[in-house]
C-alpha atoms as a PDB file:
ATOM      1  CA  MET A   1      -1.104  33.338  31.390  1.00  0.00           C
ATOM      2  CA  PRO A   2       0.048  29.280  30.358  1.00  0.00           C
ATOM      3  CA  LYS A   3       2.942  28.952  28.016  1.00  0.00           C
ATOM      4  CA  SER A   4       2.044  27.912  24.255  1.00  0.00           C
ATOM      5  CA  LYS A   5       3.029  24.271  23.252  1.00  0.00           C
ATOM      6  CA  ARG A   6       5.365  26.020  20.697  1.00  0.00           C
ATOM      7  CA  ASP A   7       7.347  28.018  23.083  1.00  0.00           C
ATOM      8  CA  ARG A   8       8.291  24.350  24.068  1.00  0.00           C
ATOM      9  CA  VAL A   9      12.022  23.637  23.902  1.00  0.00           C
ATOM     10  CA  VAL A  10      13.101  20.216  22.269  1.00  0.00           C
ATOM     11  CA  ALA A  11      16.143  19.012  22.959  1.00  0.00           C
ATOM     12  CA  LEU A  12      17.723  17.510  19.648  1.00  0.00           C
ATOM     13  CA  THR A  13      19.217  15.016  21.121  1.00  0.00           C
ATOM     14  CA  ARG A  14      16.580  13.543  21.848  1.00  0.00           C
ATOM     15  CA  THR A  15      15.142  14.299  18.229  1.00  0.00           C
ATOM     16  CA  LYS A  16      18.165  12.146  17.058  1.00  0.00           C
ATOM     17  CA  LYS A  17      17.847   9.402  19.551  1.00  0.00           C
ATOM     18  CA  LYS A  18      14.463   8.577  18.085  1.00  0.00           C
ATOM     19  CA  ALA A  19      15.550   8.839  14.632  1.00  0.00           C
ATOM     20  CA  TYR A  20      17.679   6.628  14.872  1.00  0.00           C
ATOM     21  CA  GLU A  21      15.847   4.123  16.691  1.00  0.00           C
ATOM     22  CA  THR A  22      13.143   4.507  13.746  1.00  0.00           C
ATOM     23  CA  LYS A  23      16.060   2.974  11.095  1.00  0.00           C
ATOM     24  CA  LYS A  24      17.448   1.088  13.473  1.00  0.00           C
ATOM     25  CA  ASP A  25      14.282  -0.961  13.797  1.00  0.00           C
ATOM     26  CA  LEU A  26      13.367  -0.239   9.739  1.00  0.00           C
ATOM     27  CA  VAL A  27      16.888  -2.286   9.357  1.00  0.00           C
ATOM     28  CA  THR A  28      15.715  -4.808  12.119  1.00  0.00           C
ATOM     29  CA  ASP A  29      12.583  -5.315  10.386  1.00  0.00           C
ATOM     30  CA  ILE A  30      13.953  -5.368   6.782  1.00  0.00           C
ATOM     31  CA  GLN A  31      16.364  -8.264   8.018  1.00  0.00           C
ATOM     32  CA  GLU A  32      14.072 -10.521   9.932  1.00  0.00           C
ATOM     33  CA  CYS A  33      11.384 -10.330   6.575  1.00  0.00           C
ATOM     34  CA  THR A  34      14.874 -11.463   4.737  1.00  0.00           C
ATOM     35  CA  GLU A  35      14.546 -14.264   6.981  1.00  0.00           C
ATOM     36  CA  LYS A  36      10.975 -15.198   7.198  1.00  0.00           C
ATOM     37  CA  TYR A  37       9.806 -14.824   3.221  1.00  0.00           C
ATOM     38  CA  THR A  38      11.121 -16.469   0.628  1.00  0.00           C
ATOM     39  CA  ASN A  39      11.125 -14.077  -2.598  1.00  0.00           C
ATOM     40  CA  ILE A  40      12.335 -10.216  -2.099  1.00  0.00           C
ATOM     41  CA  PHE A  41      11.060  -7.917  -5.434  1.00  0.00           C
ATOM     42  CA  LEU A  42      12.111  -4.794  -5.710  1.00  0.00           C
ATOM     43  CA  VAL A  43       9.570  -2.832  -7.304  1.00  0.00           C
ATOM     44  CA  GLU A  44       8.628   0.703  -8.151  1.00  0.00           C
ATOM     45  CA  VAL A  45       5.898   2.747  -7.865  1.00  0.00           C
ATOM     46  CA  HIS A  46       4.597   5.216 -10.469  1.00  0.00           C
ATOM     47  CA  ASN A  47       2.023   7.773 -10.145  1.00  0.00           C
ATOM     48  CA  GLU A  48       2.004   7.057  -6.297  1.00  0.00           C
ATOM     49  CA  ARG A  49      -1.188   7.728  -4.157  1.00  0.00           C
ATOM     50  CA  ASN A  50      -1.064   7.026  -0.799  1.00  0.00           C
ATOM     51  CA  ASN A  51      -5.210   5.822  -0.771  1.00  0.00           C
ATOM     52  CA  LEU A  52      -3.794   3.557  -3.752  1.00  0.00           C
ATOM     53  CA  LEU A  53      -0.732   2.267  -1.957  1.00  0.00           C
ATOM     54  CA  LYS A  54      -3.098   1.619   1.003  1.00  0.00           C
ATOM     55  CA  GLU A  55      -5.547  -0.577  -1.025  1.00  0.00           C
ATOM     56  CA  ILE A  56      -2.450  -2.562  -2.238  1.00  0.00           C
ATOM     57  CA  ARG A  57      -1.007  -3.760   1.625  1.00  0.00           C
ATOM     58  CA  GLU A  58      -4.288  -4.260   2.589  1.00  0.00           C
ATOM     59  CA  SER A  59      -4.232  -6.883   0.000  1.00  0.00           C
ATOM     60  CA  TRP A  60      -0.626  -7.906   0.732  1.00  0.00           C
ATOM     61  CA  LYS A  61      -1.404  -8.508   4.217  1.00  0.00           C
ATOM     62  CA  CYS A  62       0.236 -11.296   4.113  1.00  0.00           C
ATOM     63  CA  SER A  63       3.244  -9.828   2.617  1.00  0.00           C
ATOM     64  CA  ARG A  64       5.129  -6.758   3.816  1.00  0.00           C
ATOM     65  CA  LEU A  65       5.637  -3.970   1.362  1.00  0.00           C
ATOM     66  CA  PHE A  66       8.451  -1.044   2.450  1.00  0.00           C
ATOM     67  CA  MET A  67       8.323   2.055   1.133  1.00  0.00           C
ATOM     68  CA  GLY A  68      11.068   4.847   1.932  1.00  0.00           C
ATOM     69  CA  ARG A  69      13.922   5.223   2.838  1.00  0.00           C
ATOM     70  CA  ASN A  70      15.783   3.471   0.278  1.00  0.00           C
ATOM     71  CA  LYS A  71      19.365   4.270   2.264  1.00  0.00           C
ATOM     72  CA  VAL A  72      18.224   2.957   5.805  1.00  0.00           C
ATOM     73  CA  MET A  73      17.175  -0.258   3.677  1.00  0.00           C
ATOM     74  CA  ALA A  74      19.961  -0.855   1.858  1.00  0.00           C
ATOM     75  CA  VAL A  75      21.875  -1.035   5.102  1.00  0.00           C
ATOM     76  CA  GLY A  76      19.527  -3.858   5.995  1.00  0.00           C
ATOM     77  CA  LEU A  77      20.092  -6.111   3.594  1.00  0.00           C
ATOM     78  CA  GLY A  78      23.205  -5.203   3.073  1.00  0.00           C
ATOM     79  CA  ARG A  79      25.560  -2.867   0.309  1.00  0.00           C
ATOM     80  CA  THR A  80      28.215  -4.584   0.018  1.00  0.00           C
ATOM     81  CA  PRO A  81      29.468  -8.479  -1.030  1.00  0.00           C
ATOM     82  CA  GLU A  82      30.966  -8.401   2.742  1.00  0.00           C
ATOM     83  CA  ALA A  83      28.114  -6.809   4.321  1.00  0.00           C
ATOM     84  CA  GLU A  84      25.018  -8.360   2.569  1.00  0.00           C
ATOM     85  CA  ILE A  85      23.132 -10.651   5.079  1.00  0.00           C
ATOM     86  CA  LYS A  86      22.436 -13.484   2.353  1.00  0.00           C
ATOM     87  CA  PRO A  87      24.416 -13.668  -0.642  1.00  0.00           C
ATOM     88  CA  SER A  88      23.474 -11.057  -3.694  1.00  0.00           C
ATOM     89  CA  LEU A  89      20.916  -9.125  -1.852  1.00  0.00           C
ATOM     90  CA  HIS A  90      23.594  -6.759  -2.017  1.00  0.00           C
ATOM     91  CA  LYS A  91      22.976  -6.199  -6.278  1.00  0.00           C
ATOM     92  CA  LEU A  92      19.149  -5.302  -4.351  1.00  0.00           C
ATOM     93  CA  ALA A  93      20.284  -3.134  -2.033  1.00  0.00           C
ATOM     94  CA  ALA A  94      22.223  -1.184  -5.054  1.00  0.00           C
ATOM     95  CA  GLY A  95      18.974  -0.907  -6.960  1.00  0.00           C
ATOM     96  CA  LEU A  96      17.305   0.811  -4.218  1.00  0.00           C
ATOM     97  CA  ALA A  97      16.179   4.396  -5.286  1.00  0.00           C
ATOM     98  CA  GLY A  98      14.072   7.210  -6.204  1.00  0.00           C
ATOM     99  CA  SER A  99       9.701   6.161  -5.490  1.00  0.00           C
ATOM    100  CA  ARG A 100      11.220   2.230  -5.433  1.00  0.00           C
ATOM    101  CA  GLY A 101      10.420  -0.098  -2.544  1.00  0.00           C
ATOM    102  CA  LEU A 102      11.062  -4.218  -1.364  1.00  0.00           C
ATOM    103  CA  LEU A 103       8.065  -6.340  -1.285  1.00  0.00           C
ATOM    104  CA  PHE A 104       8.734  -9.921   0.995  1.00  0.00           C
ATOM    105  CA  THR A 105       6.597 -12.436   0.173  1.00  0.00           C
ATOM    106  CA  ASN A 106       5.856 -15.944  -0.233  1.00  0.00           C
ATOM    107  CA  GLU A 107       4.196 -15.863  -2.950  1.00  0.00           C
ATOM    108  CA  THR A 108       5.337 -17.255  -6.863  1.00  0.00           C
ATOM    109  CA  LEU A 109       7.258 -15.196  -9.002  1.00  0.00           C
ATOM    110  CA  GLU A 110       4.164 -15.815 -11.892  1.00  0.00           C
ATOM    111  CA  SER A 111       1.603 -15.263  -9.191  1.00  0.00           C
ATOM    112  CA  VAL A 112       3.017 -11.762  -8.334  1.00  0.00           C
ATOM    113  CA  LYS A 113       3.754 -10.893 -11.928  1.00  0.00           C
ATOM    114  CA  GLY A 114       0.245 -11.697 -13.017  1.00  0.00           C
ATOM    115  CA  TRP A 115      -1.163  -9.586 -10.072  1.00  0.00           C
ATOM    116  CA  PHE A 116       0.270  -6.489 -10.356  1.00  0.00           C
ATOM    117  CA  SER A 117       0.101  -6.646 -14.572  1.00  0.00           C
ATOM    118  CA  GLU A 118      -3.662  -6.519 -14.180  1.00  0.00           C
ATOM    119  CA  HIS A 119      -4.015  -3.835 -10.588  1.00  0.00           C
ATOM    120  CA  LYS A 120      -3.186  -0.250 -12.658  1.00  0.00           C
ATOM    121  CA  LYS A 121      -5.691   2.119 -11.871  1.00  0.00           C
ATOM    122  CA  PHE A 122      -6.531   5.471 -13.533  1.00  0.00           C
ATOM    123  CA  CYS A 123      -6.145   8.594 -11.560  1.00  0.00           C
ATOM    124  CA  PHE A 124      -6.022  12.362 -11.995  1.00  0.00           C
ATOM    125  CA  ALA A 125      -2.576  13.961 -13.606  1.00  0.00           C
ATOM    126  CA  ARG A 126      -0.770  16.292 -10.966  1.00  0.00           C
ATOM    127  CA  SER A 127       2.034  18.902 -11.802  1.00  0.00           C
ATOM    128  CA  GLY A 128       5.056  16.827 -13.422  1.00  0.00           C
ATOM    129  CA  THR A 129       2.793  14.188 -14.843  1.00  0.00           C
ATOM    130  CA  VAL A 130       4.387  14.210 -18.642  1.00  0.00           C
ATOM    131  CA  ALA A 131       0.795  14.001 -20.423  1.00  0.00           C
ATOM    132  CA  THR A 132      -0.702  11.391 -22.530  1.00  0.00           C
ATOM    133  CA  GLU A 133      -2.727  12.950 -25.160  1.00  0.00           C
ATOM    134  CA  THR A 134      -2.922  16.705 -25.723  1.00  0.00           C
ATOM    135  CA  VAL A 135      -6.564  18.187 -24.458  1.00  0.00           C
ATOM    136  CA  VAL A 136      -8.273  20.517 -26.131  1.00  0.00           C
ATOM    137  CA  LEU A 137     -11.741  22.492 -25.358  1.00  0.00           C
ATOM    138  CA  PRO A 138     -13.807  24.128 -28.550  1.00  0.00           C
ATOM    139  CA  GLU A 139     -14.763  27.800 -28.370  1.00  0.00           C
ATOM    140  CA  GLY A 140     -18.305  27.070 -26.639  1.00  0.00           C
ATOM    141  CA  PRO A 141     -19.951  26.443 -23.880  1.00  0.00           C
ATOM    142  CA  LEU A 142     -18.668  24.001 -20.763  1.00  0.00           C
ATOM    143  CA  ASP A 143     -20.509  21.528 -19.298  1.00  0.00           C
ATOM    144  CA  MET A 144     -19.805  23.335 -15.843  1.00  0.00           C
ATOM    145  CA  PRO A 145     -21.864  24.621 -12.964  1.00  0.00           C
ATOM    146  CA  HIS A 146     -21.684  28.474 -13.121  1.00  0.00           C
ATOM    147  CA  SER A 147     -19.911  28.903 -10.085  1.00  0.00           C
ATOM    148  CA  MET A 148     -16.876  27.210 -11.524  1.00  0.00           C
ATOM    149  CA  GLU A 149     -16.653  30.332 -13.834  1.00  0.00           C
ATOM    150  CA  PRO A 150     -13.987  32.638 -11.386  1.00  0.00           C
ATOM    151  CA  GLN A 151     -11.943  29.789 -10.693  1.00  0.00           C
ATOM    152  CA  LEU A 152     -11.730  28.682 -14.388  1.00  0.00           C
ATOM    153  CA  ARG A 153     -10.844  32.429 -15.342  1.00  0.00           C
ATOM    154  CA  GLN A 154      -8.208  31.972 -12.120  1.00  0.00           C
ATOM    155  CA  LEU A 155      -7.100  28.850 -14.138  1.00  0.00           C
ATOM    156  CA  GLY A 156      -6.072  30.372 -17.601  1.00  0.00           C
ATOM    157  CA  LEU A 157      -9.435  29.827 -19.086  1.00  0.00           C
ATOM    158  CA  PRO A 158     -10.555  32.606 -21.455  1.00  0.00           C
ATOM    159  CA  THR A 159     -14.293  31.893 -20.035  1.00  0.00           C
ATOM    160  CA  ARG A 160     -16.971  33.937 -18.929  1.00  0.00           C
ATOM    161  CA  LEU A 161     -20.860  34.138 -18.121  1.00  0.00           C
ATOM    162  CA  LYS A 162     -23.960  34.003 -21.009  1.00  0.00           C
ATOM    163  CA  ASP A 163     -26.893  33.551 -19.462  1.00  0.00           C
ATOM    164  CA  GLY A 164     -26.061  31.498 -16.715  1.00  0.00           C
ATOM    165  CA  VAL A 165     -24.151  29.326 -18.436  1.00  0.00           C
ATOM    166  CA  VAL A 166     -20.159  28.389 -18.866  1.00  0.00           C
ATOM    167  CA  VAL A 167     -18.612  30.063 -22.112  1.00  0.00           C
ATOM    168  CA  LEU A 168     -15.056  29.660 -23.511  1.00  0.00           C
ATOM    169  CA  ASP A 169     -14.199  32.830 -25.641  1.00  0.00           C
ATOM    170  CA  ALA A 170     -11.632  30.750 -27.821  1.00  0.00           C
ATOM    171  CA  GLU A 171     -10.411  27.234 -28.356  1.00  0.00           C
ATOM    172  CA  HIS A 172      -8.155  26.218 -25.441  1.00  0.00           C
ATOM    173  CA  THR A 173      -5.077  23.898 -25.370  1.00  0.00           C
ATOM    174  CA  VAL A 174      -5.312  22.467 -21.185  1.00  0.00           C
ATOM    175  CA  CYS A 175      -2.013  20.043 -22.223  1.00  0.00           C
ATOM    176  CA  THR A 176       0.069  18.850 -24.880  1.00  0.00           C
ATOM    177  CA  ALA A 177       0.930  14.815 -25.003  1.00  0.00           C
ATOM    178  CA  GLY A 178       4.504  14.632 -24.182  1.00  0.00           C
ATOM    179  CA  LYS A 179       4.979  17.329 -22.479  1.00  0.00           C
ATOM    180  CA  ALA A 180       5.038  17.877 -18.399  1.00  0.00           C
ATOM    181  CA  VAL A 181       1.411  19.184 -16.856  1.00  0.00           C
ATOM    182  CA  THR A 182       1.577  22.399 -14.911  1.00  0.00           C
ATOM    183  CA  THR A 183      -0.033  22.528 -11.626  1.00  0.00           C
ATOM    184  CA  GLN A 184      -2.539  24.735 -13.256  1.00  0.00           C
ATOM    185  CA  GLN A 185      -3.092  22.447 -16.240  1.00  0.00           C
ATOM    186  CA  ALA A 186      -3.806  19.592 -13.260  1.00  0.00           C
ATOM    187  CA  HIS A 187      -6.516  21.687 -11.478  1.00  0.00           C
ATOM    188  CA  ILE A 188      -8.558  21.839 -15.285  1.00  0.00           C
ATOM    189  CA  LEU A 189      -7.623  18.302 -16.087  1.00  0.00           C
ATOM    190  CA  LYS A 190      -9.547  17.281 -12.713  1.00  0.00           C
ATOM    191  CA  HIS A 191     -12.517  20.243 -12.847  1.00  0.00           C
ATOM    192  CA  LEU A 192     -12.963  17.724 -16.662  1.00  0.00           C
ATOM    193  CA  GLY A 193     -13.200  14.464 -15.195  1.00  0.00           C
ATOM    194  CA  ASN A 194     -10.321  13.487 -16.767  1.00  0.00           C
ATOM    195  CA  LEU A 195      -8.043  11.059 -15.460  1.00  0.00           C
ATOM    196  CA  MET A 196      -4.317  11.034 -17.559  1.00  0.00           C
ATOM    197  CA  ALA A 197      -2.421   9.576 -14.565  1.00  0.00           C
ATOM    198  CA  GLU A 198      -1.971   5.746 -14.173  1.00  0.00           C
ATOM    199  CA  PHE A 199      -0.750   4.397 -10.449  1.00  0.00           C
ATOM    200  CA  GLN A 200       0.519   1.013 -11.255  1.00  0.00           C
ATOM    201  CA  ILE A 201       3.482  -1.313  -9.257  1.00  0.00           C
ATOM    202  CA  SER A 202       6.236  -2.604 -11.617  1.00  0.00           C
ATOM    203  CA  LEU A 203       8.181  -5.430 -10.615  1.00  0.00           C
ATOM    204  CA  VAL A 204      12.461  -4.244 -10.880  1.00  0.00           C
ATOM    205  CA  GLY A 205      14.302  -6.997  -9.953  1.00  0.00           C
ATOM    206  CA  HIS A 206      13.827 -10.421  -7.655  1.00  0.00           C
ATOM    207  CA  TRP A 207      15.826 -12.601  -5.300  1.00  0.00           C
ATOM    208  CA  THR A 208      15.385 -16.033  -4.083  1.00  0.00           C
ATOM    209  CA  ALA A 209      17.425 -18.310  -2.537  1.00  0.00           C
ATOM    210  CA  GLY A 210      20.908 -16.488  -2.959  1.00  0.00           C
ATOM    211  CA  LYS A 211      20.590 -15.251  -6.420  1.00  0.00           C
ATOM    212  CA  TYR A 212      19.388 -12.290  -7.890  1.00  0.00           C
ATOM    213  CA  THR A 213      17.593 -11.560 -11.281  1.00  0.00           C
ATOM    214  CA  LEU A 214      17.262  -8.675 -12.928  1.00  0.00           C
ATOM    215  CA  LEU A 215      13.097  -8.364 -14.329  1.00  0.00           C
ATOM    216  CA  GLN A 216      12.209  -6.270 -17.735  1.00  0.00           C
ATOM    217  CA  ASP A 217       9.511  -6.224 -19.961  1.00  0.00           C
ATOM    218  CA  ASN A 218       8.088  -9.412 -18.599  1.00  0.00           C
ATOM    219  CA  THR A 219      11.739 -11.501 -19.508  1.00  0.00           C
ATOM    220  CA  MET A 220      14.448 -12.244 -17.027  1.00  0.00           C
ATOM    221  CA  GLU A 221      18.377 -11.040 -17.221  1.00  0.00           C
ATOM    222  CA  ALA A 222      20.316 -12.673 -14.521  1.00  0.00           C
ATOM    223  CA  GLU A 223      22.845  -9.848 -13.350  1.00  0.00           C
END
C-alpha cells in the first residue's frame, strides 16, 4: 500500500532554510527598489480585498507594491540611523505595522496622491467592519428567493414562508452605525446587496532624496 503524502517527514531544517531564503530575498528586493525608484510611499490598506489589491498592482506595473512581512521590510530599509541604507529611511521603517506596506515608484507625489484619492471601491462588509449606517428591515415581505428562507432564519431573522413569499414577522435591526458587524450580520448585508465597506489605499508617508515626510489629510508635516 503506497504511503500517504501526509505521512511523509519534512525536515525542519529544510523549512527553516526556505523561510530564511524567502526573507532574505525580500530584503534584497526592498534594497534594490530603493536604488531603482525615486519615491517610496508608506501606504495603508483599508478593508483589504485580494481581488481589488490585484487590480491596484495591475494598474501600477511600472512600480512595486509590497504588502506583508513588515518587520522584514523594515530590516531591508534599516530600522536605525546606523542601519539604514539611505538617510531617513529608518523613519519610514518605523511606520511599518498592521495593514501597511510600501509603494516604490518614479511617479510624482502629486500624481500618486491624485490617483489614490480617486480610486476607491465599495465592497461587502466582513466580520469586524464598523457599520457606517443603521440597517433596519421592516415587518413584511422580503424581496428574496423562497429557497433562502431557511438560511435567513439560521442567521437570526424572524422569517417564514407565506404563499411562497419570504415574510419577516417583525421589524429587525441588522446592524447599528458605529458598531462592529458580526459574521451573521455580514452575511445578511451581503444577501441584501449592501456594499457598506470601502476599499481604499491611503498614503501615510513619503520618502524621497533622503527626506521623509508624514502625509496627513492631504497636508504634509515633516518629521
